[in-house]
Amino acid sequence: MSTRKLTTAILLPELLFSASRSSGPGGQNVNKVNSRITLRFNIRESTILTYDEKSILLTKLGSRLTEAGELIVHAQDKRSQLQNKEAVMAKFDVMLAKAFEKKKARKATKPSKTAVQKRINSKKKRSEKKQWRQKPD
């Protein structure tokens, strides 16, 4: 299992950034400037990732991948390319951190004696109430 913490800094040589026209804030600026940033990362063809890291990412981020195993992340919230590039890298870091987060094991618990007794008492009361509604034989 991997012990290193993957970040955009480590994977930077394999990340592809492209800019396109945004639909975000900026008024007429969005019609003229390519401020939307798209980050592309091909997990299957990565040389930096180990086999285990690849398999974890492919399973955890499977719904977000293209058929070629490429993860695509967009950012268009800001007015400038630089701010959007920083935002898309932050999004990517969060995705990586979430994918490698260990799931906490569930501990089996029993209901307390008072909770069980309370449930039984309420069932008896409900039963009694319904008995009173019945027509006498």
N, C-alpha and C. Protein backbone atom coordinates (compact mmCIF):
# COMPACT_ATOMS: atom_id res chain seq x y z
N MET A 1 0.84 -1.18 0.00
CA MET A 1 0.00 0.00 0.00
C MET A 1 0.89 1.25 0.00
N SER A 2 0.44 2.29 -0.62
CA SER A 2 1.21 3.53 -0.76
C SER A 2 1.20 4.34 0.54
N THR A 3 2.38 4.86 0.90
CA THR A 3 2.47 5.70 2.09
C THR A 3 2.71 7.15 1.72
N ARG A 4 3.10 7.41 0.47
CA ARG A 4 3.34 8.80 0.07
C ARG A 4 2.03 9.53 -0.20
N LYS A 5 2.06 10.84 -0.01
CA LYS A 5 0.86 11.66 -0.23
C LYS A 5 0.96 12.27 -1.62
N LEU A 6 0.05 11.87 -2.50
CA LEU A 6 0.07 12.38 -3.87
C LEU A 6 -0.53 13.77 -3.93
N THR A 7 0.15 14.66 -4.63
CA THR A 7 -0.33 16.02 -4.84
C THR A 7 -0.09 16.42 -6.29
N THR A 8 -0.60 17.59 -6.65
CA THR A 8 -0.38 18.07 -8.02
C THR A 8 1.10 18.36 -8.25
N ALA A 9 1.83 18.73 -7.20
CA ALA A 9 3.26 19.03 -7.33
C ALA A 9 4.02 17.79 -7.81
N ILE A 10 3.67 16.62 -7.27
CA ILE A 10 4.35 15.38 -7.66
C ILE A 10 3.96 14.97 -9.08
N LEU A 11 2.69 15.15 -9.42
CA LEU A 11 2.17 14.70 -10.71
C LEU A 11 2.26 15.76 -11.81
N LEU A 12 2.77 16.94 -11.51
CA LEU A 12 2.80 18.06 -12.45
C LEU A 12 3.35 17.71 -13.84
N PRO A 13 4.43 16.93 -13.96
CA PRO A 13 4.94 16.61 -15.31
C PRO A 13 3.92 15.86 -16.18
N GLU A 14 2.97 15.16 -15.58
CA GLU A 14 2.00 14.39 -16.35
C GLU A 14 0.64 15.09 -16.50
N LEU A 15 0.50 16.27 -15.93
CA LEU A 15 -0.76 17.00 -16.02
C LEU A 15 -0.76 17.87 -17.27
N LEU A 16 -1.88 17.86 -17.97
CA LEU A 16 -2.03 18.71 -19.15
C LEU A 16 -3.08 19.78 -18.85
N PHE A 17 -2.72 21.04 -19.06
CA PHE A 17 -3.63 22.15 -18.83
C PHE A 17 -3.98 22.76 -20.18
N SER A 18 -5.26 23.12 -20.32
CA SER A 18 -5.68 23.84 -21.53
C SER A 18 -6.67 24.92 -21.13
N ALA A 19 -6.74 25.97 -21.92
CA ALA A 19 -7.63 27.10 -21.63
C ALA A 19 -8.69 27.20 -22.72
N SER A 20 -9.89 27.59 -22.31
CA SER A 20 -10.98 27.78 -23.26
C SER A 20 -11.88 28.90 -22.75
N ARG A 21 -12.86 29.27 -23.55
CA ARG A 21 -13.76 30.35 -23.14
C ARG A 21 -14.66 29.88 -22.02
N SER A 22 -14.84 30.76 -21.06
CA SER A 22 -15.59 30.44 -19.86
C SER A 22 -17.00 30.99 -19.95
N SER A 23 -17.90 30.43 -19.11
CA SER A 23 -19.24 31.00 -19.00
C SER A 23 -19.41 31.62 -17.63
N GLY A 24 -18.31 31.76 -16.92
CA GLY A 24 -18.35 32.28 -15.56
C GLY A 24 -18.42 33.79 -15.51
N PRO A 25 -18.12 34.39 -14.34
CA PRO A 25 -18.21 35.84 -14.18
C PRO A 25 -17.17 36.58 -15.01
N GLY A 26 -17.46 37.82 -15.31
CA GLY A 26 -16.48 38.63 -16.04
C GLY A 26 -17.10 39.52 -17.09
N GLY A 27 -18.41 39.53 -17.24
CA GLY A 27 -19.06 40.42 -18.22
C GLY A 27 -18.59 40.13 -19.62
N GLN A 28 -18.25 41.19 -20.36
CA GLN A 28 -17.76 41.04 -21.73
C GLN A 28 -16.41 40.33 -21.77
N ASN A 29 -15.71 40.32 -20.65
CA ASN A 29 -14.40 39.68 -20.57
C ASN A 29 -14.47 38.21 -20.97
N VAL A 30 -15.54 37.52 -20.60
CA VAL A 30 -15.65 36.09 -20.89
C VAL A 30 -15.81 35.82 -22.38
N ASN A 31 -16.29 36.81 -23.12
CA ASN A 31 -16.45 36.63 -24.56
C ASN A 31 -15.13 36.79 -25.31
N LYS A 32 -14.13 37.38 -24.65
CA LYS A 32 -12.87 37.68 -25.32
C LYS A 32 -11.70 36.83 -24.83
N VAL A 33 -11.75 36.43 -23.55
CA VAL A 33 -10.57 35.81 -22.93
C VAL A 33 -10.83 34.34 -22.62
N ASN A 34 -9.81 33.51 -22.84
CA ASN A 34 -9.89 32.10 -22.50
C ASN A 34 -9.49 31.92 -21.04
N SER A 35 -10.46 32.04 -20.15
CA SER A 35 -10.13 31.97 -18.72
C SER A 35 -10.48 30.63 -18.07
N ARG A 36 -11.24 29.79 -18.76
CA ARG A 36 -11.58 28.47 -18.21
C ARG A 36 -10.37 27.56 -18.36
N ILE A 37 -10.01 26.86 -17.28
CA ILE A 37 -8.87 25.95 -17.31
C ILE A 37 -9.36 24.52 -17.17
N THR A 38 -8.83 23.66 -18.02
CA THR A 38 -9.15 22.23 -17.98
C THR A 38 -7.87 21.46 -17.67
N LEU A 39 -7.94 20.63 -16.64
CA LEU A 39 -6.81 19.78 -16.27
C LEU A 39 -7.11 18.37 -16.73
N ARG A 40 -6.15 17.75 -17.41
CA ARG A 40 -6.31 16.37 -17.87
C ARG A 40 -5.17 15.54 -17.29
N PHE A 41 -5.54 14.37 -16.77
CA PHE A 41 -4.54 13.47 -16.20
C PHE A 41 -4.91 12.04 -16.58
N ASN A 42 -4.02 11.39 -17.34
CA ASN A 42 -4.27 10.02 -17.77
C ASN A 42 -3.69 9.08 -16.71
N ILE A 43 -4.58 8.45 -15.96
CA ILE A 43 -4.17 7.58 -14.86
C ILE A 43 -3.51 6.31 -15.39
N ARG A 44 -4.09 5.70 -16.41
CA ARG A 44 -3.58 4.43 -16.94
C ARG A 44 -2.16 4.55 -17.49
N GLU A 45 -1.84 5.68 -18.11
CA GLU A 45 -0.53 5.83 -18.76
C GLU A 45 0.48 6.56 -17.88
N SER A 46 0.15 6.78 -16.63
CA SER A 46 1.04 7.49 -15.71
C SER A 46 2.27 6.64 -15.38
N THR A 47 3.44 7.26 -15.41
CA THR A 47 4.68 6.57 -15.03
C THR A 47 5.06 6.89 -13.59
N ILE A 48 4.47 7.92 -13.03
CA ILE A 48 4.77 8.32 -11.66
C ILE A 48 4.03 7.45 -10.65
N LEU A 49 2.79 7.06 -10.99
CA LEU A 49 1.97 6.27 -10.08
C LEU A 49 2.39 4.80 -10.06
N THR A 50 2.29 4.18 -8.89
CA THR A 50 2.53 2.75 -8.78
C THR A 50 1.27 2.01 -9.24
N TYR A 51 1.40 0.70 -9.40
CA TYR A 51 0.25 -0.12 -9.83
C TYR A 51 -0.90 -0.01 -8.83
N ASP A 52 -0.57 -0.08 -7.53
CA ASP A 52 -1.60 0.01 -6.48
C ASP A 52 -2.31 1.36 -6.51
N GLU A 53 -1.54 2.43 -6.67
CA GLU A 53 -2.13 3.78 -6.71
C GLU A 53 -3.06 3.92 -7.92
N LYS A 54 -2.63 3.38 -9.04
CA LYS A 54 -3.46 3.42 -10.25
C LYS A 54 -4.78 2.69 -10.03
N SER A 55 -4.70 1.49 -9.44
CA SER A 55 -5.93 0.71 -9.25
C SER A 55 -6.88 1.40 -8.28
N ILE A 56 -6.34 2.03 -7.23
CA ILE A 56 -7.19 2.76 -6.28
C ILE A 56 -7.88 3.93 -6.99
N LEU A 57 -7.12 4.70 -7.75
CA LEU A 57 -7.69 5.85 -8.46
C LEU A 57 -8.72 5.42 -9.50
N LEU A 58 -8.43 4.34 -10.22
CA LEU A 58 -9.36 3.88 -11.24
C LEU A 58 -10.68 3.40 -10.64
N THR A 59 -10.64 2.81 -9.45
CA THR A 59 -11.89 2.35 -8.83
C THR A 59 -12.62 3.50 -8.16
N LYS A 60 -11.90 4.32 -7.39
CA LYS A 60 -12.55 5.39 -6.62
C LYS A 60 -13.06 6.53 -7.52
N LEU A 61 -12.31 6.85 -8.58
CA LEU A 61 -12.71 7.95 -9.47
C LEU A 61 -13.29 7.43 -10.78
N GLY A 62 -13.69 6.17 -10.80
CA GLY A 62 -14.18 5.54 -12.03
C GLY A 62 -15.29 6.28 -12.74
N SER A 63 -16.22 6.85 -11.98
CA SER A 63 -17.36 7.54 -12.60
C SER A 63 -16.95 8.87 -13.25
N ARG A 64 -15.78 9.37 -12.89
CA ARG A 64 -15.33 10.67 -13.42
C ARG A 64 -14.34 10.52 -14.57
N LEU A 65 -14.01 9.28 -14.94
CA LEU A 65 -12.99 9.05 -15.96
C LEU A 65 -13.60 8.85 -17.34
N THR A 66 -12.80 9.18 -18.35
CA THR A 66 -13.21 8.89 -19.73
C THR A 66 -12.91 7.42 -20.00
N GLU A 67 -13.29 6.94 -21.18
CA GLU A 67 -13.03 5.53 -21.52
C GLU A 67 -11.54 5.24 -21.59
N ALA A 68 -10.73 6.25 -21.88
CA ALA A 68 -9.28 6.07 -21.98
C ALA A 68 -8.60 6.13 -20.61
N GLY A 69 -9.39 6.30 -19.55
CA GLY A 69 -8.82 6.36 -18.21
C GLY A 69 -8.27 7.73 -17.86
N GLU A 70 -8.82 8.76 -18.49
CA GLU A 70 -8.35 10.12 -18.29
C GLU A 70 -9.31 10.88 -17.37
N LEU A 71 -8.75 11.52 -16.36
CA LEU A 71 -9.52 12.34 -15.43
C LEU A 71 -9.50 13.77 -15.95
N ILE A 72 -10.68 14.38 -16.05
CA ILE A 72 -10.78 15.76 -16.55
C ILE A 72 -11.45 16.61 -15.48
N VAL A 73 -10.78 17.71 -15.11
CA VAL A 73 -11.30 18.62 -14.09
C VAL A 73 -11.29 20.03 -14.68
N HIS A 74 -12.39 20.78 -14.48
CA HIS A 74 -12.51 22.14 -15.00
C HIS A 74 -12.60 23.15 -13.85
N ALA A 75 -12.18 24.39 -14.14
CA ALA A 75 -12.40 25.51 -13.22
C ALA A 75 -12.66 26.75 -14.06
N GLN A 76 -13.76 27.45 -13.76
CA GLN A 76 -14.09 28.66 -14.52
C GLN A 76 -14.71 29.72 -13.62
N ASP A 77 -14.54 29.59 -12.32
CA ASP A 77 -15.19 30.49 -11.37
C ASP A 77 -14.56 31.87 -11.31
N LYS A 78 -13.27 31.95 -11.59
CA LYS A 78 -12.55 33.22 -11.46
C LYS A 78 -12.42 33.91 -12.82
N ARG A 79 -11.97 35.18 -12.75
CA ARG A 79 -11.84 35.97 -13.99
C ARG A 79 -10.52 35.73 -14.71
N SER A 80 -9.50 35.26 -14.01
CA SER A 80 -8.20 35.10 -14.65
C SER A 80 -7.81 33.64 -14.80
N GLN A 81 -6.97 33.37 -15.79
CA GLN A 81 -6.47 32.02 -16.03
C GLN A 81 -5.68 31.51 -14.83
N LEU A 82 -4.85 32.36 -14.27
CA LEU A 82 -3.98 31.96 -13.15
C LEU A 82 -4.81 31.52 -11.95
N GLN A 83 -5.83 32.31 -11.62
CA GLN A 83 -6.69 31.95 -10.48
C GLN A 83 -7.43 30.65 -10.75
N ASN A 84 -7.90 30.46 -12.00
CA ASN A 84 -8.59 29.23 -12.35
C ASN A 84 -7.64 28.03 -12.36
N LYS A 85 -6.39 28.26 -12.73
CA LYS A 85 -5.39 27.18 -12.70
C LYS A 85 -5.14 26.74 -11.26
N GLU A 86 -5.04 27.71 -10.36
CA GLU A 86 -4.86 27.40 -8.94
C GLU A 86 -6.09 26.66 -8.40
N ALA A 87 -7.28 27.08 -8.82
CA ALA A 87 -8.52 26.45 -8.37
C ALA A 87 -8.63 25.01 -8.86
N VAL A 88 -8.27 24.76 -10.12
CA VAL A 88 -8.36 23.41 -10.68
C VAL A 88 -7.34 22.49 -10.01
N MET A 89 -6.16 23.03 -9.67
CA MET A 89 -5.15 22.23 -8.98
C MET A 89 -5.62 21.90 -7.56
N ALA A 90 -6.29 22.84 -6.91
CA ALA A 90 -6.83 22.60 -5.57
C ALA A 90 -7.91 21.52 -5.63
N LYS A 91 -8.80 21.60 -6.64
CA LYS A 91 -9.84 20.58 -6.83
C LYS A 91 -9.22 19.19 -7.01
N PHE A 92 -8.17 19.14 -7.83
CA PHE A 92 -7.48 17.89 -8.12
C PHE A 92 -6.85 17.31 -6.85
N ASP A 93 -6.22 18.19 -6.04
CA ASP A 93 -5.62 17.76 -4.77
C ASP A 93 -6.68 17.16 -3.84
N VAL A 94 -7.85 17.81 -3.77
CA VAL A 94 -8.94 17.32 -2.92
C VAL A 94 -9.41 15.94 -3.41
N MET A 95 -9.53 15.78 -4.73
CA MET A 95 -9.94 14.48 -5.30
C MET A 95 -8.95 13.38 -4.93
N LEU A 96 -7.66 13.69 -5.05
CA LEU A 96 -6.63 12.71 -4.72
C LEU A 96 -6.68 12.34 -3.24
N ALA A 97 -6.81 13.35 -2.39
CA ALA A 97 -6.85 13.11 -0.95
C ALA A 97 -8.05 12.24 -0.58
N LYS A 98 -9.21 12.54 -1.19
CA LYS A 98 -10.42 11.77 -0.91
C LYS A 98 -10.30 10.32 -1.38
N ALA A 99 -9.66 10.13 -2.54
CA ALA A 99 -9.52 8.79 -3.10
C ALA A 99 -8.64 7.90 -2.22
N PHE A 100 -7.62 8.48 -1.59
CA PHE A 100 -6.70 7.69 -0.78
C PHE A 100 -7.04 7.72 0.71
N GLU A 101 -8.17 8.32 1.05
CA GLU A 101 -8.61 8.39 2.45
C GLU A 101 -9.06 7.00 2.90
N LYS A 102 -8.61 6.60 4.07
CA LYS A 102 -9.01 5.30 4.61
C LYS A 102 -10.42 5.40 5.17
N LYS A 103 -11.25 4.42 4.84
CA LYS A 103 -12.61 4.41 5.35
C LYS A 103 -12.60 3.85 6.77
N LYS A 104 -13.28 4.55 7.67
CA LYS A 104 -13.32 4.13 9.06
C LYS A 104 -14.17 2.87 9.20
N ALA A 105 -13.65 1.88 9.91
CA ALA A 105 -14.38 0.62 10.10
C ALA A 105 -15.55 0.84 11.06
N ARG A 106 -16.68 0.22 10.75
CA ARG A 106 -17.86 0.35 11.57
C ARG A 106 -17.78 -0.63 12.73
N LYS A 107 -18.08 -0.14 13.91
CA LYS A 107 -18.10 -1.00 15.08
C LYS A 107 -19.54 -1.44 15.32
N ALA A 108 -19.73 -2.75 15.44
CA ALA A 108 -21.07 -3.28 15.70
C ALA A 108 -21.47 -2.95 17.14
N THR A 109 -22.69 -2.47 17.32
CA THR A 109 -23.17 -2.13 18.66
C THR A 109 -24.53 -2.77 18.89
N LYS A 110 -24.87 -2.95 20.16
CA LYS A 110 -26.18 -3.50 20.53
C LYS A 110 -27.00 -2.39 21.15
N PRO A 111 -28.32 -2.44 21.00
CA PRO A 111 -29.15 -1.45 21.69
C PRO A 111 -29.09 -1.68 23.20
N SER A 112 -29.19 -0.62 23.99
CA SER A 112 -29.13 -0.74 25.45
C SER A 112 -30.38 -1.45 25.97
N LYS A 113 -30.29 -1.97 27.19
CA LYS A 113 -31.43 -2.68 27.78
C LYS A 113 -32.64 -1.76 27.90
N THR A 114 -32.41 -0.51 28.29
CA THR A 114 -33.53 0.43 28.44
C THR A 114 -34.19 0.71 27.09
N ALA A 115 -33.39 0.80 26.03
CA ALA A 115 -33.95 1.05 24.70
C ALA A 115 -34.81 -0.12 24.26
N VAL A 116 -34.35 -1.34 24.53
CA VAL A 116 -35.11 -2.54 24.17
C VAL A 116 -36.42 -2.56 24.96
N GLN A 117 -36.33 -2.28 26.28
CA GLN A 117 -37.52 -2.29 27.14
C GLN A 117 -38.53 -1.24 26.69
N LYS A 118 -38.02 -0.05 26.33
CA LYS A 118 -38.87 1.04 25.86
C LYS A 118 -39.64 0.62 24.60
N ARG A 119 -38.92 -0.03 23.68
CA ARG A 119 -39.53 -0.49 22.43
C ARG A 119 -40.64 -1.51 22.72
N ILE A 120 -40.35 -2.44 23.58
CA ILE A 120 -41.34 -3.48 23.92
C ILE A 120 -42.56 -2.86 24.58
N ASN A 121 -42.35 -1.91 25.51
CA ASN A 121 -43.46 -1.23 26.19
C ASN A 121 -44.34 -0.48 25.20
N SER A 122 -43.71 0.23 24.25
CA SER A 122 -44.50 0.99 23.28
C SER A 122 -45.30 0.04 22.38
N LYS A 123 -44.71 -1.11 22.05
CA LYS A 123 -45.44 -2.10 21.25
C LYS A 123 -46.64 -2.64 22.02
N LYS A 124 -46.47 -2.88 23.33
CA LYS A 124 -47.57 -3.38 24.16
C LYS A 124 -48.69 -2.35 24.23
N LYS A 125 -48.32 -1.06 24.41
CA LYS A 125 -49.33 0.02 24.47
C LYS A 125 -50.10 0.10 23.17
N ARG A 126 -49.40 0.02 22.06
CA ARG A 126 -50.03 0.09 20.74
C ARG A 126 -50.99 -1.09 20.56
N SER A 127 -50.54 -2.26 20.98
CA SER A 127 -51.36 -3.47 20.90
C SER A 127 -52.64 -3.32 21.73
N GLU A 128 -52.47 -2.78 22.97
CA GLU A 128 -53.61 -2.56 23.85
C GLU A 128 -54.62 -1.61 23.23
N LYS A 129 -54.11 -0.53 22.67
CA LYS A 129 -54.95 0.48 22.04
C LYS A 129 -55.78 -0.15 20.92
N LYS A 130 -55.14 -1.01 20.13
CA LYS A 130 -55.85 -1.65 19.03
C LYS A 130 -56.86 -2.68 19.54
N GLN A 131 -56.54 -3.30 20.68
CA GLN A 131 -57.48 -4.26 21.28
C GLN A 131 -58.77 -3.55 21.70
N TRP A 132 -58.66 -2.34 22.23
CA TRP A 132 -59.84 -1.57 22.65
C TRP A 132 -60.72 -1.18 21.48
N ARG A 133 -60.13 -1.09 20.30
CA ARG A 133 -60.91 -0.71 19.11
C ARG A 133 -61.74 -1.88 18.56
N GLN A 134 -61.34 -3.09 18.92
CA GLN A 134 -62.02 -4.29 18.40
C GLN A 134 -63.44 -4.37 18.95
N LYS A 135 -64.34 -4.93 18.14
CA LYS A 135 -65.72 -5.17 18.60
C LYS A 135 -65.71 -6.39 19.52
N PRO A 136 -66.50 -6.34 20.57
CA PRO A 136 -66.53 -7.52 21.46
C PRO A 136 -67.18 -8.71 20.76
N ASP A 137 -66.75 -9.91 21.07
CA ASP A 137 -67.28 -11.12 20.45
C ASP A 137 -68.66 -11.46 20.91
